[in-house]
C-alpha atoms as a PDB file:
ATOM      1  CA  UNK A   1     -20.836 -19.050 -25.108  1.00  0.00           C
ATOM      2  CA  UNK A   2     -23.804 -16.948 -23.299  1.00  0.00           C
ATOM      3  CA  UNK A   3     -26.636 -18.193 -21.526  1.00  0.00           C
ATOM      4  CA  UNK A   4     -28.097 -15.105 -21.002  1.00  0.00           C
ATOM      5  CA  UNK A   5     -28.816 -12.252 -23.497  1.00  0.00           C
ATOM      6  CA  UNK A   6     -26.706  -9.843 -21.516  1.00  0.00           C
ATOM      7  CA  UNK A   7     -23.989 -11.767 -19.592  1.00  0.00           C
ATOM      8  CA  UNK A   8     -22.447  -8.170 -18.886  1.00  0.00           C
ATOM      9  CA  UNK A   9     -24.948  -7.842 -16.296  1.00  0.00           C
ATOM     10  CA  UNK A  10     -25.031 -11.164 -14.216  1.00  0.00           C
ATOM     11  CA  UNK A  11     -25.082  -9.998 -10.583  1.00  0.00           C
ATOM     12  CA  UNK A  12     -26.249  -6.521 -11.190  1.00  0.00           C
ATOM     13  CA  UNK A  13     -23.900  -4.750  -9.550  1.00  0.00           C
ATOM     14  CA  UNK A  14     -20.841  -4.157 -12.207  1.00  0.00           C
ATOM     15  CA  UNK A  15     -18.230  -1.329 -12.055  1.00  0.00           C
ATOM     16  CA  UNK A  16     -16.302  -0.129 -14.527  1.00  0.00           C
ATOM     17  CA  UNK A  17     -13.401  -2.219 -13.500  1.00  0.00           C
ATOM     18  CA  UNK A  18     -15.337  -5.420 -13.782  1.00  0.00           C
ATOM     19  CA  UNK A  19     -17.068  -4.569 -16.862  1.00  0.00           C
ATOM     20  CA  UNK A  20     -13.565  -3.430 -18.276  1.00  0.00           C
ATOM     21  CA  UNK A  21     -11.828  -6.865 -17.776  1.00  0.00           C
ATOM     22  CA  UNK A  22     -15.017  -8.532 -19.320  1.00  0.00           C
ATOM     23  CA  UNK A  23     -14.555  -5.980 -22.402  1.00  0.00           C
ATOM     24  CA  UNK A  24     -10.763  -6.857 -22.633  1.00  0.00           C
ATOM     25  CA  UNK A  25     -11.350 -10.746 -22.457  1.00  0.00           C
ATOM     26  CA  UNK A  26     -13.761 -10.540 -25.380  1.00  0.00           C
ATOM     27  CA  UNK A  27     -11.430  -8.209 -27.224  1.00  0.00           C
ATOM     28  CA  UNK A  28      -8.566 -10.812 -26.771  1.00  0.00           C
ATOM     29  CA  UNK A  29     -11.042 -13.709 -27.838  1.00  0.00           C
ATOM     30  CA  UNK A  30     -12.091 -11.950 -31.050  1.00  0.00           C
ATOM     31  CA  UNK A  31      -8.392 -11.000 -32.038  1.00  0.00           C
ATOM     32  CA  UNK A  32      -7.834 -15.082 -31.945  1.00  0.00           C
ATOM     33  CA  UNK A  33      -7.326 -16.290 -35.341  1.00  0.00           C
ATOM     34  CA  UNK A  34      -9.200 -19.451 -33.860  1.00  0.00           C
ATOM     35  CA  UNK A  35     -12.177 -17.147 -34.052  1.00  0.00           C
ATOM     36  CA  UNK A  36     -11.079 -15.597 -37.352  1.00  0.00           C
ATOM     37  CA  UNK A  37     -11.957 -19.267 -38.939  1.00  0.00           C
ATOM     38  CA  UNK A  38     -15.280 -19.585 -40.880  1.00  0.00           C
ATOM     39  CA  UNK A  39     -16.573 -22.485 -38.758  1.00  0.00           C
ATOM     40  CA  UNK A  40     -16.623 -20.229 -35.786  1.00  0.00           C
ATOM     41  CA  UNK A  41     -18.557 -17.324 -37.169  1.00  0.00           C
ATOM     42  CA  UNK A  42     -21.680 -18.281 -34.869  1.00  0.00           C
ATOM     43  CA  UNK A  43     -19.578 -17.900 -31.742  1.00  0.00           C
ATOM     44  CA  UNK A  44     -17.576 -14.620 -33.726  1.00  0.00           C
ATOM     45  CA  UNK A  45     -21.014 -13.094 -34.136  1.00  0.00           C
ATOM     46  CA  UNK A  46     -22.303 -14.295 -30.576  1.00  0.00           C
ATOM     47  CA  UNK A  47     -18.960 -12.367 -28.987  1.00  0.00           C
ATOM     48  CA  UNK A  48     -19.729  -9.057 -31.108  1.00  0.00           C
ATOM     49  CA  UNK A  49     -22.929  -8.948 -29.893  1.00  0.00           C
ATOM     50  CA  UNK A  50     -21.658  -9.162 -26.269  1.00  0.00           C
ATOM     51  CA  UNK A  51     -18.884  -6.947 -26.869  1.00  0.00           C
ATOM     52  CA  UNK A  52     -21.569  -4.352 -27.991  1.00  0.00           C
ATOM     53  CA  UNK A  53     -23.817  -4.715 -25.158  1.00  0.00           C
ATOM     54  CA  UNK A  54     -20.746  -4.347 -22.973  1.00  0.00           C
ATOM     55  CA  UNK A  55     -19.951  -0.955 -24.525  1.00  0.00           C
ATOM     56  CA  UNK A  56     -23.566   0.221 -24.488  1.00  0.00           C
ATOM     57  CA  UNK A  57     -23.556  -0.805 -20.365  1.00  0.00           C
ATOM     58  CA  UNK A  58     -20.759   1.359 -19.826  1.00  0.00           C
ATOM     59  CA  UNK A  59     -22.746   4.386 -20.060  1.00  0.00           C
ATOM     60  CA  UNK A  60     -24.881   3.364 -17.209  1.00  0.00           C
ATOM     61  CA  UNK A  61     -22.165   2.859 -14.748  1.00  0.00           C
ATOM     62  CA  UNK A  62     -20.761   5.765 -12.761  1.00  0.00           C
ATOM     63  CA  UNK A  63     -16.615   6.181 -12.608  1.00  0.00           C
ATOM     64  CA  UNK A  64     -15.301   6.140  -8.661  1.00  0.00           C
ATOM     65  CA  UNK A  65     -11.831   7.136 -10.093  1.00  0.00           C
ATOM     66  CA  UNK A  66      -9.819   8.987 -12.774  1.00  0.00           C
ATOM     67  CA  UNK A  67      -8.744   5.621 -13.906  1.00  0.00           C
ATOM     68  CA  UNK A  68     -12.367   4.229 -14.533  1.00  0.00           C
ATOM     69  CA  UNK A  69     -12.862   7.236 -16.448  1.00  0.00           C
ATOM     70  CA  UNK A  70      -9.720   6.807 -18.618  1.00  0.00           C
ATOM     71  CA  UNK A  71     -11.026   3.276 -19.123  1.00  0.00           C
ATOM     72  CA  UNK A  72     -14.314   4.314 -20.442  1.00  0.00           C
ATOM     73  CA  UNK A  73     -12.306   6.836 -22.938  1.00  0.00           C
ATOM     74  CA  UNK A  74     -10.583   3.890 -24.111  1.00  0.00           C
ATOM     75  CA  UNK A  75     -13.837   2.027 -24.643  1.00  0.00           C
ATOM     76  CA  UNK A  76     -15.188   5.020 -26.563  1.00  0.00           C
ATOM     77  CA  UNK A  77     -12.180   5.462 -28.434  1.00  0.00           C
ATOM     78  CA  UNK A  78     -12.066   1.492 -29.353  1.00  0.00           C
ATOM     79  CA  UNK A  79     -15.886   1.560 -30.706  1.00  0.00           C
ATOM     80  CA  UNK A  80     -15.090   4.951 -32.357  1.00  0.00           C
ATOM     81  CA  UNK A  81     -12.106   3.606 -34.511  1.00  0.00           C
ATOM     82  CA  UNK A  82     -14.366   0.652 -35.495  1.00  0.00           C
ATOM     83  CA  UNK A  83     -17.413   2.690 -37.040  1.00  0.00           C
ATOM     84  CA  UNK A  84     -15.573   5.932 -38.091  1.00  0.00           C
ATOM     85  CA  UNK A  85     -15.797   7.115 -41.359  1.00  0.00           C
ATOM     86  CA  UNK A  86     -13.062   8.823 -43.455  1.00  0.00           C
ATOM     87  CA  UNK A  87     -11.954  12.068 -42.549  1.00  0.00           C
ATOM     88  CA  UNK A  88     -13.758  11.735 -38.968  1.00  0.00           C
ATOM     89  CA  UNK A  89     -10.726  10.907 -37.020  1.00  0.00           C
ATOM     90  CA  UNK A  90     -10.795  14.207 -35.023  1.00  0.00           C
ATOM     91  CA  UNK A  91     -13.355  12.661 -32.932  1.00  0.00           C
ATOM     92  CA  UNK A  92     -10.666  10.192 -31.364  1.00  0.00           C
ATOM     93  CA  UNK A  93      -7.974  12.863 -31.530  1.00  0.00           C
ATOM     94  CA  UNK A  94     -10.703  14.856 -29.141  1.00  0.00           C
ATOM     95  CA  UNK A  95     -11.039  11.674 -27.004  1.00  0.00           C
ATOM     96  CA  UNK A  96      -7.244  11.520 -26.743  1.00  0.00           C
ATOM     97  CA  UNK A  97      -6.776  14.696 -25.999  1.00  0.00           C
ATOM     98  CA  UNK A  98      -9.558  14.666 -23.048  1.00  0.00           C
ATOM     99  CA  UNK A  99      -8.026  11.422 -21.947  1.00  0.00           C
ATOM    100  CA  UNK A 100      -4.386  13.334 -21.868  1.00  0.00           C
ATOM    101  CA  UNK A 101      -5.968  16.444 -19.864  1.00  0.00           C
ATOM    102  CA  UNK A 102      -7.542  13.838 -17.231  1.00  0.00           C
ATOM    103  CA  UNK A 103      -4.060  11.782 -16.702  1.00  0.00           C
ATOM    104  CA  UNK A 104      -2.043  15.556 -16.011  1.00  0.00           C
ATOM    105  CA  UNK A 105      -5.130  16.536 -13.507  1.00  0.00           C
ATOM    106  CA  UNK A 106      -5.000  13.163 -11.868  1.00  0.00           C
ATOM    107  CA  UNK A 107      -1.037  13.632 -11.883  1.00  0.00           C
ATOM    108  CA  UNK A 108      -1.012  17.541 -10.363  1.00  0.00           C
ATOM    109  CA  UNK A 109      -4.022  16.366  -7.681  1.00  0.00           C
ATOM    110  CA  UNK A 110      -2.121  13.985  -5.234  1.00  0.00           C
ATOM    111  CA  UNK A 111       0.957  16.318  -4.719  1.00  0.00           C
ATOM    112  CA  UNK A 112      -1.587  19.439  -3.691  1.00  0.00           C
ATOM    113  CA  UNK A 113      -3.998  17.302  -1.320  1.00  0.00           C
ATOM    114  CA  UNK A 114      -1.672  15.704   0.500  1.00  0.00           C
ATOM    115  CA  UNK A 115      -0.398  18.096   3.051  1.00  0.00           C
ATOM    116  CA  UNK A 116       2.627  15.576   4.079  1.00  0.00           C
ATOM    117  CA  UNK A 117       4.301  15.284   0.443  1.00  0.00           C
ATOM    118  CA  UNK A 118       6.455  18.000   1.508  1.00  0.00           C
ATOM    119  CA  UNK A 119       7.725  16.298   4.638  1.00  0.00           C
ATOM    120  CA  UNK A 120      10.961  14.125   4.102  1.00  0.00           C
ATOM    121  CA  UNK A 121      10.751  10.643   5.033  1.00  0.00           C
ATOM    122  CA  UNK A 122      13.241  11.267   7.115  1.00  0.00           C
ATOM    123  CA  UNK A 123      11.407  13.525   9.412  1.00  0.00           C
ATOM    124  CA  UNK A 124       8.838  11.023   9.653  1.00  0.00           C
ATOM    125  CA  UNK A 125      10.943   8.523  11.000  1.00  0.00           C
ATOM    126  CA  UNK A 126      12.943  10.343  13.586  1.00  0.00           C
ATOM    127  CA  UNK A 127      10.540  11.169  16.186  1.00  0.00           C
ATOM    128  CA  UNK A 128       9.408   7.380  16.274  1.00  0.00           C
ATOM    129  CA  UNK A 129      13.200   6.348  16.860  1.00  0.00           C
ATOM    130  CA  UNK A 130      13.342   9.377  19.896  1.00  0.00           C
ATOM    131  CA  UNK A 131      10.145   7.766  21.737  1.00  0.00           C
ATOM    132  CA  UNK A 132      11.319   4.314  21.173  1.00  0.00           C
ATOM    133  CA  UNK A 133      14.690   5.139  23.137  1.00  0.00           C
ATOM    134  CA  UNK A 134      12.639   7.479  25.548  1.00  0.00           C
ATOM    135  CA  UNK A 135      10.176   5.007  26.736  1.00  0.00           C
ATOM    136  CA  UNK A 136      13.060   2.225  27.115  1.00  0.00           C
ATOM    137  CA  UNK A 137      14.690   4.881  29.329  1.00  0.00           C
ATOM    138  CA  UNK A 138      11.722   6.274  31.268  1.00  0.00           C
ATOM    139  CA  UNK A 139       8.669   4.956  33.091  1.00  0.00           C
ATOM    140  CA  UNK A 140       6.042   4.790  31.239  1.00  0.00           C
ATOM    141  CA  UNK A 141       3.412   7.968  31.716  1.00  0.00           C
ATOM    142  CA  UNK A 142       0.567   5.014  33.012  1.00  0.00           C
ATOM    143  CA  UNK A 143       3.378   4.218  35.620  1.00  0.00           C
ATOM    144  CA  UNK A 144       4.344   7.924  36.405  1.00  0.00           C
ATOM    145  CA  UNK A 145       0.371   8.793  36.854  1.00  0.00           C
ATOM    146  CA  UNK A 146       0.046   5.800  39.151  1.00  0.00           C
ATOM    147  CA  UNK A 147       3.321   6.839  41.066  1.00  0.00           C
ATOM    148  CA  UNK A 148       2.348  10.497  41.428  1.00  0.00           C
ATOM    149  CA  UNK A 149      -1.231   9.679  42.445  1.00  0.00           C
ATOM    150  CA  UNK A 150       0.022   7.389  45.067  1.00  0.00           C
END
């Protein structure tokens, strides 16, 4: 499958979103019954190596928004679940808690930042309708300025 040892860094300008899509595609391939058969073992091993490389590459990429931070947490949870020892599930629970906190903070932020969120849509559309009616019945400001200058 891979021609280079690290396909995740093909263009050198990966984003969390792009790498996340590659990760999800590899996970989907690995869950395929066709890959599980013994004849496909070399391909499965190659896919597992590539998946491991992609998971490690996430640590080098900055997240651009809360969705990408959440995606990185999903990757960490998935990798941790596969490698976890008995009794260590608290680590996954901790990541779940962090992810829930992140989502709740993100849900609160847009309403607090957007000043027009408290205005109703009716208030926003009414002035435009009045201006349309006014401009149809009165001369434009450019015509008014030209006629008063003459």
